């Protein structure tokens, strides 16, 4: 019973980490002429190279890529959304910010 409770709490906290990460200022925000599918096919494999547990899920407006860790929860989130004027918008949120920004660098390389 204790193990079940710990598992439920861990999942709940990971969800809180993701939502709090998205409420912070993004480390990168940009626009691409590429459609959401093309941008996702470029970025998702790069994030898997950085963190094998990364996953890409479709949303109503595009894709959400999440890189997570068993201990810390969400480390980075990329939101790829269709832009009504064409192309797509890419927003990256990450726990680590600064000079060693692998998540933002991968995003910029796909724009």
Protein backbone atom coordinates (compact mmCIF):
# COMPACT_ATOMS: atom_id res chain seq x y z
CA UNK A 1 0.00 0.00 0.00
CA UNK A 2 2.87 2.37 0.82
CA UNK A 3 4.48 1.71 -2.56
CA UNK A 4 1.23 2.57 -4.34
CA UNK A 5 0.90 5.80 -2.39
CA UNK A 6 4.51 6.76 -3.14
CA UNK A 7 3.98 6.05 -6.86
CA UNK A 8 0.81 8.18 -6.96
CA UNK A 9 2.55 11.05 -5.16
CA UNK A 10 5.55 10.87 -7.50
CA UNK A 11 3.33 11.06 -10.58
CA UNK A 12 1.38 13.92 -9.05
CA UNK A 13 4.52 15.87 -8.23
CA UNK A 14 5.91 15.31 -11.74
CA UNK A 15 2.71 16.85 -13.12
CA UNK A 16 3.13 19.85 -10.83
CA UNK A 17 6.76 20.23 -11.94
CA UNK A 18 5.69 20.33 -15.60
CA UNK A 19 2.99 22.95 -15.05
CA UNK A 20 5.30 25.10 -12.91
CA UNK A 21 8.01 24.83 -15.56
CA UNK A 22 5.60 26.13 -18.20
CA UNK A 23 4.64 29.06 -15.98
CA UNK A 24 8.25 30.31 -16.05
CA UNK A 25 9.84 32.49 -18.70
CA UNK A 26 10.82 30.36 -21.72
CA UNK A 27 14.51 29.88 -22.48
CA UNK A 28 13.72 30.07 -26.19
CA UNK A 29 10.78 31.18 -28.32
CA UNK A 30 10.85 31.31 -32.09
CA UNK A 31 8.86 31.00 -35.29
CA UNK A 32 9.52 28.61 -38.15
CA UNK A 33 8.13 28.40 -41.66
CA UNK A 34 8.06 24.61 -41.16
CA UNK A 35 4.77 22.96 -40.25
CA UNK A 36 4.33 21.39 -36.81
CA UNK A 37 4.90 17.83 -38.08
CA UNK A 38 8.20 18.69 -39.75
CA UNK A 39 9.44 20.64 -36.74
CA UNK A 40 8.48 17.78 -34.40
CA UNK A 41 10.28 15.21 -36.60
CA UNK A 42 13.42 17.36 -36.34
CA UNK A 43 13.33 18.21 -32.63
CA UNK A 44 12.00 15.05 -30.97
CA UNK A 45 14.96 12.80 -31.98
CA UNK A 46 17.45 15.45 -30.84
CA UNK A 47 15.82 15.59 -27.43
CA UNK A 48 15.82 11.78 -27.23
CA UNK A 49 19.59 11.93 -27.81
CA UNK A 50 19.91 14.36 -24.89
CA UNK A 51 17.51 12.46 -22.62
CA UNK A 52 16.34 9.00 -23.78
CA UNK A 53 13.18 9.25 -21.67
CA UNK A 54 11.93 12.21 -23.76
CA UNK A 55 8.52 11.83 -25.34
CA UNK A 56 6.51 13.67 -27.96
CA UNK A 57 2.73 13.77 -27.76
CA UNK A 58 0.28 15.38 -30.18
CA UNK A 59 -1.89 18.21 -28.86
CA UNK A 60 -4.87 20.01 -30.37
CA UNK A 61 -2.58 22.70 -31.77
CA UNK A 62 0.61 20.76 -32.50
CA UNK A 63 3.01 18.80 -30.30
CA UNK A 64 4.47 18.82 -26.80
CA UNK A 65 7.88 17.27 -26.20
CA UNK A 66 8.83 16.55 -22.60
CA UNK A 67 12.23 15.52 -21.28
CA UNK A 68 11.91 14.16 -17.78
CA UNK A 69 13.87 12.52 -15.02
CA UNK A 70 12.67 10.01 -12.43
CA UNK A 71 13.92 12.16 -9.57
CA UNK A 72 13.35 15.75 -10.73
CA UNK A 73 10.36 15.33 -13.03
CA UNK A 74 10.17 17.54 -16.11
CA UNK A 75 13.57 18.94 -17.06
CA UNK A 76 12.51 20.60 -20.31
CA UNK A 77 9.33 21.11 -22.33
CA UNK A 78 8.97 22.17 -25.95
CA UNK A 79 5.61 23.34 -27.25
CA UNK A 80 5.21 23.31 -31.01
CA UNK A 81 2.03 25.09 -32.07
CA UNK A 82 0.47 25.92 -35.42
CA UNK A 83 0.64 29.61 -36.25
CA UNK A 84 -2.55 30.92 -37.91
CA UNK A 85 -0.39 32.94 -40.34
CA UNK A 86 1.50 29.82 -41.42
CA UNK A 87 4.36 27.80 -40.08
CA UNK A 88 4.71 27.05 -36.40
CA UNK A 89 5.74 28.63 -33.12
CA UNK A 90 8.22 26.89 -30.85
CA UNK A 91 8.55 27.64 -27.13
CA UNK A 92 11.10 25.88 -24.90
CA UNK A 93 11.01 25.81 -21.10
CA UNK A 94 13.85 24.25 -19.11
CA UNK A 95 15.03 23.90 -15.54
CA UNK A 96 18.64 24.66 -16.47
CA UNK A 97 19.22 28.03 -18.01
CA UNK A 98 22.46 29.65 -19.06
CA UNK A 99 25.51 28.99 -21.14
CA UNK A 100 25.13 25.21 -21.37
CA UNK A 101 21.68 25.24 -22.95
CA UNK A 102 21.34 21.94 -24.85
CA UNK A 103 17.54 22.13 -25.05
CA UNK A 104 17.43 25.60 -26.62
CA UNK A 105 20.34 24.83 -28.94
CA UNK A 106 18.54 21.76 -30.29
CA UNK A 107 15.39 23.83 -30.83
CA UNK A 108 17.29 26.58 -32.66
CA UNK A 109 18.92 24.02 -34.95
CA UNK A 110 15.49 22.88 -36.16
CA UNK A 111 14.07 26.33 -36.86
